[in-house]
Amino acid sequence: MIGRGVLGDPWLIKQIVQYLDSGTYEPIA
């Protein structure tokens, strides 16, 4: 569960989903 880390950075959600899935993720917005 992620909370304050998402504030101003909802991209973190997708990065975690990608990383858990494939070990890689898209760069920071």
PDB file of all heavy atoms in Angstrom:
ATOM      1  N   MET A   1       0.845  -1.189   0.000  1.00  0.00           N
ATOM      2  CA  MET A   1       0.000   0.000   0.000  1.00  0.00           C
ATOM      3  C   MET A   1       0.880   1.237   0.000  1.00  0.00           C
ATOM      4  O   MET A   1       1.768   1.370   0.841  1.00  0.00           O
ATOM      5  CB  MET A   1      -0.898  -0.006   1.239  1.00  0.00           C
ATOM      6  CG  MET A   1      -1.811   1.195   1.341  1.00  0.00           C
ATOM      7  SD  MET A   1      -2.826   1.122   2.846  1.00  0.00           S
ATOM      8  CE  MET A   1      -4.237   0.206   2.250  1.00  0.00           C
ATOM      9  N   ILE A   2       0.629   2.127  -0.980  1.00  0.00           N
ATOM     10  CA  ILE A   2       1.413   3.361  -1.045  1.00  0.00           C
ATOM     11  C   ILE A   2       0.505   4.547  -0.751  1.00  0.00           C
ATOM     12  O   ILE A   2      -0.629   4.605  -1.194  1.00  0.00           O
ATOM     13  CB  ILE A   2       2.125   3.536  -2.411  1.00  0.00           C
ATOM     14  CG1 ILE A   2       1.188   3.220  -3.587  1.00  0.00           C
ATOM     15  CG2 ILE A   2       3.355   2.659  -2.475  1.00  0.00           C
ATOM     16  CD1 ILE A   2       1.795   3.448  -4.943  1.00  0.00           C
ATOM     17  N   GLY A   3       1.035   5.478   0.031  1.00  0.00           N
ATOM     18  CA  GLY A   3       0.259   6.640   0.438  1.00  0.00           C
ATOM     19  C   GLY A   3       0.931   7.925   0.020  1.00  0.00           C
ATOM     20  O   GLY A   3       0.820   8.371  -1.121  1.00  0.00           O
ATOM     21  N   ARG A   4       1.710   8.497   0.924  1.00  0.00           N
ATOM     22  CA  ARG A   4       2.285   9.829   0.678  1.00  0.00           C
ATOM     23  C   ARG A   4       3.238   9.858  -0.519  1.00  0.00           C
ATOM     24  O   ARG A   4       3.429  10.905  -1.131  1.00  0.00           O
ATOM     25  CB  ARG A   4       2.986  10.330   1.952  1.00  0.00           C
ATOM     26  CG  ARG A   4       1.975  10.693   3.049  1.00  0.00           C
ATOM     27  CD  ARG A   4       2.628  10.942   4.391  1.00  0.00           C
ATOM     28  NE  ARG A   4       3.320   9.770   4.904  1.00  0.00           N
ATOM     29  CZ  ARG A   4       4.299   9.798   5.792  1.00  0.00           C
ATOM     30  NH1 ARG A   4       4.722  10.950   6.266  1.00  0.00           N
ATOM     31  NH2 ARG A   4       4.854   8.685   6.215  1.00  0.00           N
ATOM     32  N   GLY A   5       3.806   8.702  -0.864  1.00  0.00           N
ATOM     33  CA  GLY A   5       4.713   8.647  -2.027  1.00  0.00           C
ATOM     34  C   GLY A   5       4.034   8.994  -3.338  1.00  0.00           C
ATOM     35  O   GLY A   5       4.680   9.363  -4.326  1.00  0.00           O
ATOM     36  N   VAL A   6       2.699   8.883  -3.379  1.00  0.00           N
ATOM     37  CA  VAL A   6       1.934   9.131  -4.615  1.00  0.00           C
ATOM     38  C   VAL A   6       1.597  10.614  -4.783  1.00  0.00           C
ATOM     39  O   VAL A   6       1.247  11.054  -5.866  1.00  0.00           O
ATOM     40  CB  VAL A   6       0.623   8.297  -4.591  1.00  0.00           C
ATOM     41  CG1 VAL A   6      -0.224   8.522  -5.820  1.00  0.00           C
ATOM     42  CG2 VAL A   6       0.925   6.824  -4.451  1.00  0.00           C
ATOM     43  N   LEU A   7       1.704  11.396  -3.698  1.00  0.00           N
ATOM     44  CA  LEU A   7       1.303  12.802  -3.756  1.00  0.00           C
ATOM     45  C   LEU A   7       2.191  13.576  -4.735  1.00  0.00           C
ATOM     46  O   LEU A   7       3.405  13.660  -4.568  1.00  0.00           O
ATOM     47  CB  LEU A   7       1.351  13.434  -2.359  1.00  0.00           C
ATOM     48  CG  LEU A   7       0.442  12.748  -1.325  1.00  0.00           C
ATOM     49  CD1 LEU A   7       0.598  13.380   0.041  1.00  0.00           C
ATOM     50  CD2 LEU A   7      -1.012  12.766  -1.771  1.00  0.00           C
ATOM     51  N   GLY A   8       1.570  14.106  -5.765  1.00  0.00           N
ATOM     52  CA  GLY A   8       2.313  14.803  -6.817  1.00  0.00           C
ATOM     53  C   GLY A   8       3.035  13.864  -7.755  1.00  0.00           C
ATOM     54  O   GLY A   8       3.682  14.292  -8.710  1.00  0.00           O
ATOM     55  N   ASP A   9       2.931  12.558  -7.506  1.00  0.00           N
ATOM     56  CA  ASP A   9       3.646  11.575  -8.327  1.00  0.00           C
ATOM     57  C   ASP A   9       2.823  10.287  -8.521  1.00  0.00           C
ATOM     58  O   ASP A   9       3.237   9.210  -8.112  1.00  0.00           O
ATOM     59  CB  ASP A   9       4.999  11.242  -7.674  1.00  0.00           C
ATOM     60  CG  ASP A   9       5.860  10.324  -8.536  1.00  0.00           C
ATOM     61  OD1 ASP A   9       5.567  10.203  -9.750  1.00  0.00           O
ATOM     62  OD2 ASP A   9       6.803   9.717  -8.008  1.00  0.00           O
ATOM     63  N   PRO A  10       1.636  10.408  -9.163  1.00  0.00           N
ATOM     64  CA  PRO A  10       0.849   9.188  -9.395  1.00  0.00           C
ATOM     65  C   PRO A  10       1.542   8.204 -10.336  1.00  0.00           C
ATOM     66  O   PRO A  10       1.175   7.035 -10.387  1.00  0.00           O
ATOM     67  CB  PRO A  10      -0.459   9.725 -10.001  1.00  0.00           C
ATOM     68  CG  PRO A  10      -0.104  11.058 -10.570  1.00  0.00           C
ATOM     69  CD  PRO A  10       0.972  11.613  -9.690  1.00  0.00           C
ATOM     70  N   TRP A  11       2.573   8.674 -11.032  1.00  0.00           N
ATOM     71  CA  TRP A  11       3.354   7.793 -11.922  1.00  0.00           C
ATOM     72  C   TRP A  11       4.006   6.657 -11.136  1.00  0.00           C
ATOM     73  O   TRP A  11       4.277   5.592 -11.681  1.00  0.00           O
ATOM     74  CB  TRP A  11       4.432   8.598 -12.665  1.00  0.00           C
ATOM     75  CG  TRP A  11       3.854   9.579 -13.625  1.00  0.00           C
ATOM     76  CD1 TRP A  11       3.582   9.371 -14.951  1.00  0.00           C
ATOM     77  CD2 TRP A  11       3.455  10.926 -13.344  1.00  0.00           C
ATOM     78  NE1 TRP A  11       3.026  10.507 -15.505  1.00  0.00           N
ATOM     79  CE2 TRP A  11       2.942  11.477 -14.553  1.00  0.00           C
ATOM     80  CE3 TRP A  11       3.468  11.727 -12.203  1.00  0.00           C
ATOM     81  CZ2 TRP A  11       2.458  12.782 -14.643  1.00  0.00           C
ATOM     82  CZ3 TRP A  11       2.982  13.023 -12.289  1.00  0.00           C
ATOM     83  CH2 TRP A  11       2.484  13.541 -13.491  1.00  0.00           C
ATOM     84  N   LEU A  12       4.232   6.897  -9.842  1.00  0.00           N
ATOM     85  CA  LEU A  12       4.847   5.864  -8.998  1.00  0.00           C
ATOM     86  C   LEU A  12       4.015   4.576  -9.010  1.00  0.00           C
ATOM     87  O   LEU A  12       4.561   3.472  -8.957  1.00  0.00           O
ATOM     88  CB  LEU A  12       5.000   6.387  -7.555  1.00  0.00           C
ATOM     89  CG  LEU A  12       5.586   5.408  -6.529  1.00  0.00           C
ATOM     90  CD1 LEU A  12       7.019   5.011  -6.900  1.00  0.00           C
ATOM     91  CD2 LEU A  12       5.555   6.005  -5.126  1.00  0.00           C
ATOM     92  N   ILE A  13       2.689   4.723  -9.087  1.00  0.00           N
ATOM     93  CA  ILE A  13       1.807   3.542  -9.103  1.00  0.00           C
ATOM     94  C   ILE A  13       2.177   2.650 -10.283  1.00  0.00           C
ATOM     95  O   ILE A  13       2.421   1.443 -10.128  1.00  0.00           O
ATOM     96  CB  ILE A  13       0.323   3.973  -9.207  1.00  0.00           C
ATOM     97  CG1 ILE A  13      -0.079   4.832  -8.012  1.00  0.00           C
ATOM     98  CG2 ILE A  13      -0.593   2.750  -9.359  1.00  0.00           C
ATOM     99  CD1 ILE A  13      -1.384   5.615  -8.219  1.00  0.00           C
ATOM    100  N   LYS A  14       2.216   3.258 -11.463  1.00  0.00           N
ATOM    101  CA  LYS A  14       2.506   2.501 -12.686  1.00  0.00           C
ATOM    102  C   LYS A  14       3.922   1.930 -12.657  1.00  0.00           C
ATOM    103  O   LYS A  14       4.166   0.801 -13.097  1.00  0.00           O
ATOM    104  CB  LYS A  14       2.327   3.415 -13.907  1.00  0.00           C
ATOM    105  CG  LYS A  14       2.310   2.662 -15.234  1.00  0.00           C
ATOM    106  CD  LYS A  14       2.034   3.625 -16.366  1.00  0.00           C
ATOM    107  CE  LYS A  14       2.077   2.916 -17.708  1.00  0.00           C
ATOM    108  NZ  LYS A  14       1.938   3.873 -18.814  1.00  0.00           N
ATOM    109  N   GLN A  15       4.858   2.724 -12.128  1.00  0.00           N
ATOM    110  CA  GLN A  15       6.247   2.249 -12.046  1.00  0.00           C
ATOM    111  C   GLN A  15       6.343   0.990 -11.183  1.00  0.00           C
ATOM    112  O   GLN A  15       7.041   0.040 -11.537  1.00  0.00           O
ATOM    113  CB  GLN A  15       7.151   3.350 -11.474  1.00  0.00           C
ATOM    114  CG  GLN A  15       7.391   4.499 -12.445  1.00  0.00           C
ATOM    115  CD  GLN A  15       8.208   5.613 -11.813  1.00  0.00           C
ATOM    116  OE1 GLN A  15       8.167   5.837 -10.607  1.00  0.00           O
ATOM    117  NE2 GLN A  15       8.958   6.324 -12.630  1.00  0.00           N
ATOM    118  N   ILE A  16       5.626   0.978 -10.054  1.00  0.00           N
ATOM    119  CA  ILE A  16       5.666  -0.199  -9.176  1.00  0.00           C
ATOM    120  C   ILE A  16       5.006  -1.391  -9.853  1.00  0.00           C
ATOM    121  O   ILE A  16       5.542  -2.502  -9.832  1.00  0.00           O
ATOM    122  CB  ILE A  16       5.024   0.108  -7.798  1.00  0.00           C
ATOM    123  CG1 ILE A  16       5.848   1.157  -7.052  1.00  0.00           C
ATOM    124  CG2 ILE A  16       4.917  -1.170  -6.963  1.00  0.00           C
ATOM    125  CD1 ILE A  16       5.253   1.615  -5.723  1.00  0.00           C
ATOM    126  N   VAL A  17       3.845  -1.153 -10.484  1.00  0.00           N
ATOM    127  CA  VAL A  17       3.162  -2.241 -11.205  1.00  0.00           C
ATOM    128  C   VAL A  17       4.112  -2.842 -12.243  1.00  0.00           C
ATOM    129  O   VAL A  17       4.276  -4.066 -12.331  1.00  0.00           O
ATOM    130  CB  VAL A  17       1.853  -1.745 -11.869  1.00  0.00           C
ATOM    131  CG1 VAL A  17       1.260  -2.827 -12.776  1.00  0.00           C
ATOM    132  CG2 VAL A  17       0.829  -1.329 -10.822  1.00  0.00           C
ATOM    133  N   GLN A  18       4.759  -1.974 -13.017  1.00  0.00           N
ATOM    134  CA  GLN A  18       5.687  -2.444 -14.070  1.00  0.00           C
ATOM    135  C   GLN A  18       6.884  -3.188 -13.471  1.00  0.00           C
ATOM    136  O   GLN A  18       7.277  -4.247 -13.972  1.00  0.00           O
ATOM    137  CB  GLN A  18       6.212  -1.241 -14.883  1.00  0.00           C
ATOM    138  CG  GLN A  18       5.193  -0.631 -15.809  1.00  0.00           C
ATOM    139  CD  GLN A  18       5.730   0.616 -16.500  1.00  0.00           C
ATOM    140  OE1 GLN A  18       6.630   1.293 -16.009  1.00  0.00           O
ATOM    141  NE2 GLN A  18       5.170   0.940 -17.649  1.00  0.00           N
ATOM    142  N   TYR A  19       7.435  -2.621 -12.411  1.00  0.00           N
ATOM    143  CA  TYR A  19       8.647  -3.206 -11.819  1.00  0.00           C
ATOM    144  C   TYR A  19       8.371  -4.583 -11.224  1.00  0.00           C
ATOM    145  O   TYR A  19       9.164  -5.517 -11.375  1.00  0.00           O
ATOM    146  CB  TYR A  19       9.191  -2.262 -10.743  1.00  0.00           C
ATOM    147  CG  TYR A  19      10.549  -2.645 -10.207  1.00  0.00           C
ATOM    148  CD1 TYR A  19      11.679  -2.597 -11.026  1.00  0.00           C
ATOM    149  CD2 TYR A  19      10.722  -3.042  -8.880  1.00  0.00           C
ATOM    150  CE1 TYR A  19      12.936  -2.936 -10.539  1.00  0.00           C
ATOM    151  CE2 TYR A  19      11.963  -3.378  -8.384  1.00  0.00           C
ATOM    152  CZ  TYR A  19      13.070  -3.322  -9.215  1.00  0.00           C
ATOM    153  OH  TYR A  19      14.315  -3.664  -8.723  1.00  0.00           O
ATOM    154  N   LEU A  20       7.222  -4.734 -10.568  1.00  0.00           N
ATOM    155  CA  LEU A  20       6.876  -6.033  -9.979  1.00  0.00           C
ATOM    156  C   LEU A  20       6.594  -7.058 -11.073  1.00  0.00           C
ATOM    157  O   LEU A  20       6.794  -8.253 -10.894  1.00  0.00           O
ATOM    158  CB  LEU A  20       5.656  -5.906  -9.057  1.00  0.00           C
ATOM    159  CG  LEU A  20       5.833  -5.022  -7.817  1.00  0.00           C
ATOM    160  CD1 LEU A  20       4.563  -5.012  -6.979  1.00  0.00           C
ATOM    161  CD2 LEU A  20       7.027  -5.467  -6.962  1.00  0.00           C
ATOM    162  N   ASP A  21       6.146  -6.549 -12.211  1.00  0.00           N
ATOM    163  CA  ASP A  21       5.790  -7.412 -13.335  1.00  0.00           C
ATOM    164  C   ASP A  21       6.996  -7.833 -14.168  1.00  0.00           C
ATOM    165  O   ASP A  21       7.138  -8.991 -14.542  1.00  0.00           O
ATOM    166  CB  ASP A  21       4.815  -6.621 -14.226  1.00  0.00           C
ATOM    167  CG  ASP A  21       3.783  -7.511 -14.868  1.00  0.00           C
ATOM    168  OD1 ASP A  21       3.578  -8.628 -14.370  1.00  0.00           O
ATOM    169  OD2 ASP A  21       3.183  -7.089 -15.864  1.00  0.00           O
ATOM    170  N   SER A  22       7.883  -6.848 -14.428  1.00  0.00           N
ATOM    171  CA  SER A  22       8.946  -7.105 -15.419  1.00  0.00           C
ATOM    172  C   SER A  22      10.363  -6.785 -14.945  1.00  0.00           C
ATOM    173  O   SER A  22      11.332  -7.073 -15.646  1.00  0.00           O
ATOM    174  CB  SER A  22       8.667  -6.268 -16.672  1.00  0.00           C
ATOM    175  OG  SER A  22       8.771  -4.887 -16.350  1.00  0.00           O
ATOM    176  N   GLY A  23      10.483  -6.139 -13.774  1.00  0.00           N
ATOM    177  CA  GLY A  23      11.820  -5.771 -13.293  1.00  0.00           C
ATOM    178  C   GLY A  23      12.332  -4.466 -13.868  1.00  0.00           C
ATOM    179  O   GLY A  23      13.442  -4.036 -13.578  1.00  0.00           O
ATOM    180  N   THR A  24      11.520  -3.815 -14.718  1.00  0.00           N
ATOM    181  CA  THR A  24      11.905  -2.500 -15.271  1.00  0.00           C
ATOM    182  C   THR A  24      10.710  -1.558 -15.149  1.00  0.00           C
ATOM    183  O   THR A  24       9.590  -2.005 -14.940  1.00  0.00           O
ATOM    184  CB  THR A  24      12.292  -2.585 -16.774  1.00  0.00           C
ATOM    185  OG1 THR A  24      11.151  -3.059 -17.490  1.00  0.00           O
ATOM    186  CG2 THR A  24      13.471  -3.508 -17.002  1.00  0.00           C
ATOM    187  N   TYR A  25      10.983  -0.248 -15.289  1.00  0.00           N
ATOM    188  CA  TYR A  25       9.876   0.713 -15.256  1.00  0.00           C
ATOM    189  C   TYR A  25      10.270   1.967 -16.017  1.00  0.00           C
ATOM    190  O   TYR A  25      11.453   2.241 -16.238  1.00  0.00           O
ATOM    191  CB  TYR A  25       9.467   1.055 -13.828  1.00  0.00           C
ATOM    192  CG  TYR A  25      10.561   1.613 -12.944  1.00  0.00           C
ATOM    193  CD1 TYR A  25      10.791   2.981 -12.855  1.00  0.00           C
ATOM    194  CD2 TYR A  25      11.377   0.764 -12.191  1.00  0.00           C
ATOM    195  CE1 TYR A  25      11.792   3.488 -12.046  1.00  0.00           C
ATOM    196  CE2 TYR A  25      12.382   1.260 -11.372  1.00  0.00           C
ATOM    197  CZ  TYR A  25      12.582   2.621 -11.299  1.00  0.00           C
ATOM    198  OH  TYR A  25      13.586   3.124 -10.509  1.00  0.00           O
ATOM    199  N   GLU A  26       9.247   2.719 -16.408  1.00  0.00           N
ATOM    200  CA  GLU A  26       9.474   3.945 -17.180  1.00  0.00           C
ATOM    201  C   GLU A  26      10.089   5.029 -16.297  1.00  0.00           C
ATOM    202  O   GLU A  26       9.846   5.058 -15.098  1.00  0.00           O
ATOM    203  CB  GLU A  26       8.136   4.443 -17.753  1.00  0.00           C
ATOM    204  CG  GLU A  26       7.632   3.582 -18.891  1.00  0.00           C
ATOM    205  CD  GLU A  26       6.206   3.919 -19.293  1.00  0.00           C
ATOM    206  OE1 GLU A  26       5.735   5.027 -18.953  1.00  0.00           O
ATOM    207  OE2 GLU A  26       5.568   3.062 -19.924  1.00  0.00           O
ATOM    208  N   PRO A  27      10.875   5.927 -16.897  1.00  0.00           N
ATOM    209  CA  PRO A  27      11.523   6.976 -16.103  1.00  0.00           C
ATOM    210  C   PRO A  27      10.518   7.926 -15.450  1.00  0.00           C
ATOM    211  O   PRO A  27       9.345   7.957 -15.811  1.00  0.00           O
ATOM    212  CB  PRO A  27      12.387   7.725 -17.130  1.00  0.00           C
ATOM    213  CG  PRO A  27      11.805   7.382 -18.457  1.00  0.00           C
ATOM    214  CD  PRO A  27      11.229   6.020 -18.321  1.00  0.00           C
ATOM    215  N   ILE A  28      11.027   8.688 -14.502  1.00  0.00           N
ATOM    216  CA  ILE A  28      10.211   9.659 -13.766  1.00  0.00           C
ATOM    217  C   ILE A  28       9.631  10.693 -14.735  1.00  0.00           C
ATOM    218  O   ILE A  28      10.293  11.104 -15.697  1.00  0.00           O
ATOM    219  CB  ILE A  28      11.084  10.343 -12.681  1.00  0.00           C
ATOM    220  CG1 ILE A  28      11.410   9.303 -11.592  1.00  0.00           C
ATOM    221  CG2 ILE A  28      10.414  11.554 -12.077  1.00  0.00           C
ATOM    222  CD1 ILE A  28      12.557   9.645 -10.708  1.00  0.00           C
ATOM    223  N   ALA A  29       8.409  11.131 -14.482  1.00  0.00           N
ATOM    224  CA  ALA A  29       7.731  12.112 -15.339  1.00  0.00           C
ATOM    225  C   ALA A  29       8.481  13.447 -15.332  1.00  0.00           C
ATOM    226  O   ALA A  29       9.041  13.851 -14.314  1.00  0.00           O
ATOM    227  CB  ALA A  29       6.309  12.318 -14.838  1.00  0.00           C
TER     228      ALA A  29
END
